[in-house]
Amino acid sequence: MKTYNLIDTYLEHIDRRIPWLSKQTGISDTALRKPRYYKKSEYTLKNMVKIAIALDMDLNELKKIEWDD
């Protein structure tokens, strides 16, 4: 599963969108959307933890992500 798919799944579950997540995390809308459109772009660990906390995500969910080497 791609990172943005995991995030989208959680956002859909709580009926929220990227602008809401941006306000909750302090991460810009652009930075949150970038990995969806640019293959070389990924979230930092710090940002992933912020996203997980905002979405009330179990950090073990991060294991489902297909990390590119």
Protein backbone atom coordinates (compact mmCIF):
# COMPACT_ATOMS: atom_id res chain seq x y z
CA MET A 1 0.00 0.00 0.00
CA LYS A 2 1.29 3.44 -0.88
CA THR A 3 1.59 6.02 1.87
CA TYR A 4 -1.02 8.33 0.38
CA ASN A 5 -3.49 5.43 0.07
CA LEU A 6 -3.16 4.67 3.77
CA ILE A 7 -3.67 8.34 4.64
CA ASP A 8 -6.65 8.62 2.28
CA THR A 9 -8.25 5.56 3.88
CA TYR A 10 -8.02 7.12 7.32
CA LEU A 11 -9.24 10.50 6.08
CA GLU A 12 -12.26 8.89 4.42
CA HIS A 13 -13.03 6.95 7.59
CA ILE A 14 -13.30 10.18 9.61
CA ASP A 15 -14.82 12.16 6.71
CA ARG A 16 -11.96 14.68 6.52
CA ARG A 17 -9.76 16.05 3.74
CA ILE A 18 -6.15 17.17 3.22
CA PRO A 19 -6.75 20.81 4.31
CA TRP A 20 -7.99 19.55 7.70
CA LEU A 21 -4.96 17.29 8.04
CA SER A 22 -2.69 20.19 7.14
CA LYS A 23 -4.14 22.31 9.95
CA GLN A 24 -3.84 19.45 12.45
CA THR A 25 -0.23 18.63 11.61
CA GLY A 26 1.27 21.94 10.53
CA ILE A 27 2.36 20.27 7.27
CA SER A 28 1.48 22.27 4.15
CA ASP A 29 -1.20 21.02 1.76
CA THR A 30 1.44 20.86 -0.95
CA ALA A 31 3.77 18.68 1.12
CA LEU A 32 0.89 16.34 1.98
CA ARG A 33 -0.08 15.97 -1.69
CA LYS A 34 3.42 15.79 -3.17
CA PRO A 35 4.07 12.02 -2.72
CA ARG A 36 0.90 11.25 -4.69
CA TYR A 37 2.18 13.04 -7.79
CA TYR A 38 5.97 12.78 -7.60
CA LYS A 39 7.59 9.34 -7.35
CA LYS A 40 10.77 10.66 -5.74
CA SER A 41 8.90 12.45 -2.96
CA GLU A 42 8.20 10.76 0.39
CA TYR A 43 7.11 11.86 3.84
CA THR A 44 9.74 12.20 6.54
CA LEU A 45 9.41 10.02 9.62
CA LYS A 46 8.66 13.13 11.67
CA ASN A 47 5.79 14.03 9.33
CA MET A 48 4.46 10.47 9.26
CA VAL A 49 4.27 10.47 13.06
CA LYS A 50 2.43 13.82 13.00
CA ILE A 51 0.00 12.43 10.43
CA ALA A 52 -0.52 9.21 12.40
CA ILE A 53 -1.25 11.16 15.59
CA ALA A 54 -3.71 13.49 13.83
CA LEU A 55 -5.53 10.51 12.31
CA ASP A 56 -5.42 8.49 15.54
CA MET A 57 -3.56 5.82 13.59
CA ASP A 58 -1.83 2.90 15.25
CA LEU A 59 1.85 3.29 14.36
CA ASN A 60 1.91 -0.41 13.43
CA GLU A 61 -0.16 0.61 10.39
CA LEU A 62 3.02 2.12 8.97
CA LYS A 63 4.24 -1.44 8.41
CA LYS A 64 1.66 -1.76 5.62
CA ILE A 65 3.39 0.91 3.57
CA GLU A 66 5.42 -0.18 0.55
CA TRP A 67 8.59 1.79 1.13
CA ASP A 68 10.68 2.38 -1.98
CA ASP A 69 14.39 1.62 -1.61
